[in-house]
């Protein structure tokens, strides 16, 4: 750059949401005290931590289901979708009809809803199954519909609360691939709660380990995308996360 050339423009990456100095108590239980967390647009964040530490409470704060006693929840999200551990499909509706549920709130007519579902079913691996009822679908298929229902509205913020916890390992990997495929179909900011360390390493742009009472951030890692196929790197990263989740285990590995 020459002396008189103007400097390169500064590109500001705005956070889609932020939790600022959050205080949340359930009676005498102090879940959060001055807790902070933010997430950039179209970033995939995995939350890891022991059961009962407050991971689901973070999702509920972002969804507006829970209101903190103090602090600020800021979100620029206009369309939010929430996927739970159970599919929570309506049994009297077909898979295609379940996929349309969120589209009614957008004011779409029947033709628009059918077209969205038609384009989504192949992405979900459910081509030919749109007319099936939940009772006729396998557990993996039901969860595909549940995740597809969230993506149907093309959210800018997607919250997932251990969506694969009830599935066997092979199905979990299928669901992970589905989630990545849907992320290419429609990019959005994603926050997923999981207890599965390898799952977090495979999926996340950022992994946040939380722990303690009240809850606090223990470790934050951004996996290197180009290293995910390298077994030594993955093994090293998984060990770092396991150590962070089990601070009294005695074996500790640091990230260079």
Protein backbone atom coordinates (compact mmCIF):
# COMPACT_ATOMS: atom_id res chain seq x y z
CA UNK A 1 0.00 0.00 0.00
CA UNK A 2 1.33 3.41 -0.97
CA UNK A 3 1.65 6.16 1.62
CA UNK A 4 -1.28 8.19 0.28
CA UNK A 5 -3.58 5.21 -0.34
CA UNK A 6 -6.66 5.12 1.89
CA UNK A 7 -6.68 2.38 4.51
CA UNK A 8 -8.67 -0.79 3.87
CA UNK A 9 -12.25 -0.49 5.11
CA UNK A 10 -12.97 -2.07 8.46
CA UNK A 11 -15.66 -4.73 8.15
CA UNK A 12 -17.72 -4.95 11.32
CA UNK A 13 -19.18 -8.38 12.10
CA UNK A 14 -22.28 -7.76 14.20
CA UNK A 15 -23.47 -10.32 16.68
CA UNK A 16 -26.87 -11.79 15.97
CA UNK A 17 -27.46 -12.07 19.70
CA UNK A 18 -25.80 -11.36 23.01
CA UNK A 19 -26.49 -12.21 26.63
CA UNK A 20 -25.10 -9.40 28.77
CA UNK A 21 -24.54 -9.68 32.54
CA UNK A 22 -27.38 -12.17 32.89
CA UNK A 23 -28.65 -12.98 36.39
CA UNK A 24 -31.04 -15.92 36.59
CA UNK A 25 -32.22 -17.66 39.75
CA UNK A 26 -34.77 -20.41 40.22
CA UNK A 27 -35.64 -19.85 43.86
CA UNK A 28 -32.43 -20.42 45.83
CA UNK A 29 -30.72 -21.97 42.78
CA UNK A 30 -28.28 -19.43 41.27
CA UNK A 31 -28.00 -20.49 37.63
CA UNK A 32 -26.35 -17.33 36.24
CA UNK A 33 -24.58 -14.38 37.84
CA UNK A 34 -23.25 -11.78 35.39
CA UNK A 35 -23.17 -14.37 32.58
CA UNK A 36 -22.19 -13.24 29.07
CA UNK A 37 -22.39 -14.92 25.69
CA UNK A 38 -22.65 -13.70 22.11
CA UNK A 39 -22.77 -15.24 18.67
CA UNK A 40 -21.94 -13.86 15.23
CA UNK A 41 -24.26 -14.15 12.27
CA UNK A 42 -24.37 -17.58 10.60
CA UNK A 43 -22.05 -19.06 13.22
CA UNK A 44 -22.64 -22.60 14.53
CA UNK A 45 -22.02 -22.73 18.30
CA UNK A 46 -22.14 -25.91 20.37
CA UNK A 47 -22.67 -25.67 24.13
CA UNK A 48 -21.02 -28.42 26.17
CA UNK A 49 -21.34 -28.89 29.90
CA UNK A 50 -22.64 -31.18 32.66
CA UNK A 51 -26.35 -31.82 33.08
CA UNK A 52 -28.21 -29.14 35.03
CA UNK A 53 -25.57 -26.44 34.56
CA UNK A 54 -27.85 -24.11 32.56
CA UNK A 55 -27.33 -24.96 28.89
CA UNK A 56 -31.04 -25.29 28.14
CA UNK A 57 -31.66 -22.10 30.14
CA UNK A 58 -29.38 -20.31 27.67
CA UNK A 59 -31.58 -21.50 24.79
CA UNK A 60 -34.71 -20.51 26.68
CA UNK A 61 -33.33 -17.03 27.32
CA UNK A 62 -32.66 -16.63 23.61
CA UNK A 63 -36.14 -17.92 22.75
CA UNK A 64 -37.77 -15.52 25.21
CA UNK A 65 -39.24 -18.42 27.18
CA UNK A 66 -37.33 -17.34 30.30
CA UNK A 67 -36.79 -13.78 31.53
CA UNK A 68 -33.69 -13.03 33.63
CA UNK A 69 -33.87 -11.17 36.94
CA UNK A 70 -31.16 -8.81 35.66
CA UNK A 71 -29.04 -8.26 32.57
CA UNK A 72 -29.95 -7.86 28.92
CA UNK A 73 -30.89 -10.30 26.19
CA UNK A 74 -30.30 -8.67 22.81
CA UNK A 75 -31.22 -10.37 19.55
CA UNK A 76 -31.56 -9.20 15.97
CA UNK A 77 -33.33 -12.44 15.07
CA UNK A 78 -36.59 -12.05 13.17
CA UNK A 79 -37.34 -15.74 12.66
CA UNK A 80 -36.45 -18.19 15.40
CA UNK A 81 -36.84 -21.98 15.33
CA UNK A 82 -36.42 -24.38 18.27
CA UNK A 83 -35.75 -28.14 17.94
CA UNK A 84 -36.14 -30.33 21.03
CA UNK A 85 -34.90 -33.77 22.06
CA UNK A 86 -38.25 -35.29 21.07
CA UNK A 87 -39.68 -34.66 17.57
CA UNK A 88 -42.98 -33.30 18.97
CA UNK A 89 -44.86 -33.95 15.74
CA UNK A 90 -48.64 -33.70 15.58
CA UNK A 91 -49.75 -37.34 15.10
CA UNK A 92 -52.92 -36.48 13.16
CA UNK A 93 -50.95 -34.61 10.48
CA UNK A 94 -48.79 -36.15 7.74
CA UNK A 95 -45.06 -35.47 7.51
CA UNK A 96 -45.73 -32.84 4.81
CA UNK A 97 -48.41 -31.18 6.93
CA UNK A 98 -46.13 -31.13 9.97
CA UNK A 99 -43.47 -29.43 7.86
CA UNK A 100 -45.93 -26.69 6.96
CA UNK A 101 -46.92 -25.70 10.51
CA UNK A 102 -44.54 -22.76 10.90
CA UNK A 103 -45.41 -21.42 7.45
CA UNK A 104 -48.94 -20.50 8.53
CA UNK A 105 -47.49 -17.80 10.80
CA UNK A 106 -45.73 -16.31 7.77
CA UNK A 107 -49.08 -15.83 6.04
CA UNK A 108 -48.22 -18.15 3.16
CA UNK A 109 -51.05 -19.57 1.05
CA UNK A 110 -51.51 -23.30 0.41
CA UNK A 111 -49.63 -23.24 -2.89
CA UNK A 112 -46.58 -21.55 -1.32
CA UNK A 113 -46.58 -23.99 1.59
CA UNK A 114 -46.76 -27.02 -0.71
CA UNK A 115 -43.93 -25.69 -2.87
CA UNK A 116 -41.65 -25.16 0.13
CA UNK A 117 -42.34 -28.67 1.40
CA UNK A 118 -41.82 -30.14 -2.08
CA UNK A 119 -38.37 -28.54 -2.26
CA UNK A 120 -37.49 -29.55 1.32
CA UNK A 121 -38.47 -33.24 1.37
CA UNK A 122 -35.58 -34.40 -0.88
CA UNK A 123 -33.09 -32.39 1.19
CA UNK A 124 -34.41 -34.18 4.29
CA UNK A 125 -34.04 -37.58 2.64
CA UNK A 126 -37.82 -38.01 2.86
CA UNK A 127 -38.83 -37.93 -0.81
CA UNK A 128 -41.89 -40.14 -1.12
CA UNK A 129 -42.71 -39.98 2.60
CA UNK A 130 -44.63 -36.70 2.71
CA UNK A 131 -47.98 -38.49 2.99
CA UNK A 132 -46.90 -40.70 5.90
CA UNK A 133 -48.13 -40.05 9.44
CA UNK A 134 -45.67 -39.87 12.38
CA UNK A 135 -46.80 -43.30 13.61
CA UNK A 136 -45.64 -44.77 10.29
CA UNK A 137 -42.17 -43.24 10.47
CA UNK A 138 -39.00 -44.46 12.18
CA UNK A 139 -37.41 -42.47 14.98
CA UNK A 140 -34.79 -41.07 12.61
CA UNK A 141 -37.43 -40.05 10.09
CA UNK A 142 -39.46 -38.29 12.77
CA UNK A 143 -36.43 -36.26 13.80
CA UNK A 144 -35.77 -35.40 10.16
CA UNK A 145 -39.29 -33.96 9.98
CA UNK A 146 -38.73 -32.08 13.24
CA UNK A 147 -35.51 -30.51 11.98
CA UNK A 148 -37.06 -29.85 8.58
CA UNK A 149 -40.01 -28.09 10.20
CA UNK A 150 -37.53 -25.69 11.81
CA UNK A 151 -35.71 -25.03 8.53
CA UNK A 152 -38.94 -24.65 6.54
CA UNK A 153 -39.40 -21.10 7.85
CA UNK A 154 -35.76 -20.32 6.98
CA UNK A 155 -34.89 -19.00 10.46
CA UNK A 156 -32.04 -16.63 11.15
CA UNK A 157 -31.61 -18.19 14.62
CA UNK A 158 -31.89 -21.96 15.14
CA UNK A 159 -31.84 -23.43 18.65
CA UNK A 160 -31.29 -27.16 19.13
CA UNK A 161 -31.56 -28.88 22.52
CA UNK A 162 -29.77 -32.25 22.22
CA UNK A 163 -31.76 -33.17 19.10
CA UNK A 164 -29.88 -36.45 18.52
CA UNK A 165 -29.65 -37.75 22.09
CA UNK A 166 -32.20 -40.55 21.61
CA UNK A 167 -30.63 -41.94 18.44
CA UNK A 168 -27.98 -44.61 17.98
CA UNK A 169 -24.51 -43.64 16.74
CA UNK A 170 -25.15 -44.39 13.06
CA UNK A 171 -28.35 -42.36 13.07
CA UNK A 172 -26.60 -39.52 14.90
CA UNK A 173 -24.03 -39.27 12.13
CA UNK A 174 -26.80 -39.30 9.53
CA UNK A 175 -28.51 -36.45 11.40
CA UNK A 176 -25.25 -34.50 11.60
CA UNK A 177 -24.87 -34.78 7.82
CA UNK A 178 -28.48 -33.69 7.44
CA UNK A 179 -27.87 -30.64 9.62
CA UNK A 180 -24.84 -29.68 7.55
CA UNK A 181 -26.81 -30.17 4.31
CA UNK A 182 -29.65 -28.01 5.59
CA UNK A 183 -27.11 -25.39 6.64
CA UNK A 184 -25.99 -25.24 3.01
CA UNK A 185 -29.63 -25.06 1.87
CA UNK A 186 -30.26 -22.16 4.25
CA UNK A 187 -27.46 -20.58 6.31
CA UNK A 188 -28.45 -19.39 9.78
CA UNK A 189 -26.99 -18.76 13.22
CA UNK A 190 -27.20 -22.01 15.19
CA UNK A 191 -26.81 -22.77 18.89
CA UNK A 192 -26.88 -26.45 19.82
CA UNK A 193 -26.74 -28.05 23.25
CA UNK A 194 -24.99 -31.41 23.27
CA UNK A 195 -23.17 -33.79 25.62
CA UNK A 196 -21.40 -35.45 22.69
CA UNK A 197 -17.83 -34.18 22.30
CA UNK A 198 -17.14 -35.75 18.86
CA UNK A 199 -20.45 -34.32 17.63
CA UNK A 200 -19.44 -30.83 18.71
CA UNK A 201 -16.05 -31.17 17.01
CA UNK A 202 -17.62 -32.35 13.75
CA UNK A 203 -20.32 -29.65 13.58
CA UNK A 204 -19.33 -26.46 15.36
CA UNK A 205 -17.59 -23.31 14.22
CA UNK A 206 -17.20 -22.56 17.93
CA UNK A 207 -17.44 -24.78 21.01
CA UNK A 208 -18.26 -23.21 24.36
CA UNK A 209 -17.76 -25.33 27.49
CA UNK A 210 -19.76 -24.11 30.48
CA UNK A 211 -19.69 -25.31 34.07
CA UNK A 212 -19.95 -24.38 37.71
CA UNK A 213 -22.70 -22.99 39.89
CA UNK A 214 -23.44 -20.29 38.99
CA UNK A 215 -22.70 -21.17 35.39
CA UNK A 216 -19.68 -19.62 33.69
CA UNK A 217 -17.68 -20.16 30.49
CA UNK A 218 -14.86 -22.63 31.16
CA UNK A 219 -13.35 -22.86 27.68
CA UNK A 220 -14.02 -21.56 24.18
CA UNK A 221 -12.53 -23.20 21.09
CA UNK A 222 -12.85 -22.63 17.36
CA UNK A 223 -11.93 -25.85 15.52
CA UNK A 224 -9.81 -25.42 12.40
CA UNK A 225 -12.04 -26.43 9.46
CA UNK A 226 -9.14 -27.78 7.44
CA UNK A 227 -8.01 -30.02 10.30
CA UNK A 228 -11.29 -31.87 10.96
CA UNK A 229 -10.23 -34.73 8.69
CA UNK A 230 -6.91 -35.12 10.52
CA UNK A 231 -7.25 -37.81 13.18
CA UNK A 232 -4.41 -36.54 15.45
CA UNK A 233 -5.89 -33.03 15.53
CA UNK A 234 -9.41 -34.34 16.23
CA UNK A 235 -8.16 -36.65 18.98
CA UNK A 236 -6.19 -33.80 20.56
CA UNK A 237 -9.15 -31.42 20.44
CA UNK A 238 -11.53 -34.00 21.88
CA UNK A 239 -9.12 -34.62 24.77
CA UNK A 240 -8.92 -30.89 25.50
CA UNK A 241 -12.70 -30.74 25.69
CA UNK A 242 -12.96 -33.86 27.86
CA UNK A 243 -10.41 -32.33 30.27
CA UNK A 244 -12.41 -29.10 30.41
CA UNK A 245 -15.58 -31.06 31.18
CA UNK A 246 -13.81 -33.10 33.86
CA UNK A 247 -11.43 -30.66 35.60
CA UNK A 248 -10.66 -33.06 38.45
CA UNK A 249 -9.63 -35.95 36.20
CA UNK A 250 -5.92 -35.19 36.55
CA UNK A 251 -4.96 -35.33 32.85
CA UNK A 252 -4.82 -31.99 31.07
CA UNK A 253 -3.94 -31.15 27.49
CA UNK A 254 -3.61 -27.60 26.23
CA UNK A 255 -4.25 -26.20 22.79
CA UNK A 256 -1.14 -24.77 21.12
